[in-house]
Amino acid sequence: MTTKKPKRKRVYSEYDKKLQATPNEVRKRVARNKARRHAIKAGTVKKGDGRDMHHPKGGARGKAVPMSASANRAKK
């Protein structure tokens, strides 16, 4: 009879920390935050309003538009 080794659980937090620290991911996060700040300044979104900034494919600069969080996260 062979005994199976118990499966090792993945520690996602370690993986996420490494991924989020890469220069490319930092650049993307900075762009997303900047778009949100501009929308707040323009008055199209407010803190805690439940809206996300929708960033169209291709990353067209200045094309981010506010939309409800549920609609934005449902987009595929």
Protein backbone atom coordinates (compact mmCIF):
# COMPACT_ATOMS: atom_id res chain seq x y z
CA MET A 1 0.00 0.00 0.00
CA THR A 2 1.37 3.39 -0.97
CA THR A 3 0.74 6.43 1.10
CA LYS A 4 -0.09 9.69 -0.56
CA LYS A 5 1.71 12.83 0.45
CA PRO A 6 -0.67 15.47 1.68
CA LYS A 7 -1.17 18.20 -0.86
CA ARG A 8 0.55 21.46 -0.04
CA LYS A 9 -1.79 24.41 0.13
CA ARG A 10 -0.93 27.32 -2.13
CA VAL A 11 -0.19 30.55 -0.38
CA TYR A 12 -1.78 33.09 -2.69
CA SER A 13 -0.66 36.06 -0.63
CA GLU A 14 3.00 35.34 -1.41
CA TYR A 15 2.23 34.96 -5.11
CA ASP A 16 0.19 38.18 -5.15
CA LYS A 17 2.92 40.17 -3.39
CA LYS A 18 5.48 39.09 -5.97
CA LEU A 19 3.18 39.78 -8.91
CA GLN A 20 1.98 43.15 -7.69
CA ALA A 21 5.56 44.32 -7.14
CA THR A 22 6.62 43.77 -10.76
CA PRO A 23 7.31 47.00 -12.68
CA ASN A 24 4.60 46.28 -15.26
CA GLU A 25 1.89 45.74 -12.63
CA VAL A 26 2.98 48.84 -10.72
CA ARG A 27 2.69 50.87 -13.94
CA LYS A 28 -0.83 49.54 -14.57
CA ARG A 29 -1.94 50.30 -11.00
CA VAL A 30 -0.56 53.84 -11.20
CA ALA A 31 -2.52 54.43 -14.43
CA ARG A 32 -5.74 53.11 -12.88
CA ASN A 33 -5.34 55.29 -9.79
CA LYS A 34 -4.57 58.33 -11.93
CA ALA A 35 -7.73 57.81 -14.00
CA ARG A 36 -9.78 57.57 -10.81
CA ARG A 37 -8.23 60.76 -9.41
CA HIS A 38 -9.01 62.65 -12.62
CA ALA A 39 -12.62 61.44 -12.52
CA ILE A 40 -12.97 62.55 -8.89
CA LYS A 41 -11.59 65.97 -9.82
CA ALA A 42 -14.01 66.21 -12.75
CA GLY A 43 -16.89 65.28 -10.44
CA THR A 44 -17.99 62.17 -12.34
CA VAL A 45 -17.30 59.84 -9.40
CA LYS A 46 -17.16 60.23 -5.64
CA LYS A 47 -15.55 58.22 -2.88
CA GLY A 48 -17.81 55.35 -1.85
CA ASP A 49 -20.29 55.75 -4.71
CA GLY A 50 -19.94 52.10 -5.79
CA ARG A 51 -18.67 52.94 -9.26
CA ASP A 52 -15.55 51.66 -11.00
CA MET A 53 -13.52 53.20 -13.77
CA HIS A 54 -13.93 51.14 -16.93
CA HIS A 55 -10.67 50.97 -18.88
CA PRO A 56 -11.34 49.86 -22.47
CA LYS A 57 -9.08 47.29 -24.11
CA GLY A 58 -6.00 48.76 -25.67
CA GLY A 59 -5.48 51.15 -22.77
CA ALA A 60 -6.48 54.22 -24.73
CA ARG A 61 -5.32 57.12 -22.60
CA GLY A 62 -8.12 59.25 -21.23
CA LYS A 63 -10.83 56.84 -22.38
CA ALA A 64 -11.65 55.47 -18.93
CA VAL A 65 -15.33 55.98 -18.10
CA PRO A 66 -17.14 55.48 -14.79
CA MET A 67 -19.72 52.70 -14.57
CA SER A 68 -21.34 50.64 -11.86
CA ALA A 69 -19.03 48.15 -10.22
CA SER A 70 -21.30 45.20 -10.98
CA ALA A 71 -21.52 46.07 -14.68
CA ASN A 72 -17.78 46.69 -14.98
CA ARG A 73 -16.82 43.42 -13.30
CA ALA A 74 -19.34 41.44 -15.34
CA LYS A 75 -17.72 42.55 -18.63
CA LYS A 76 -15.75 39.80 -20.30
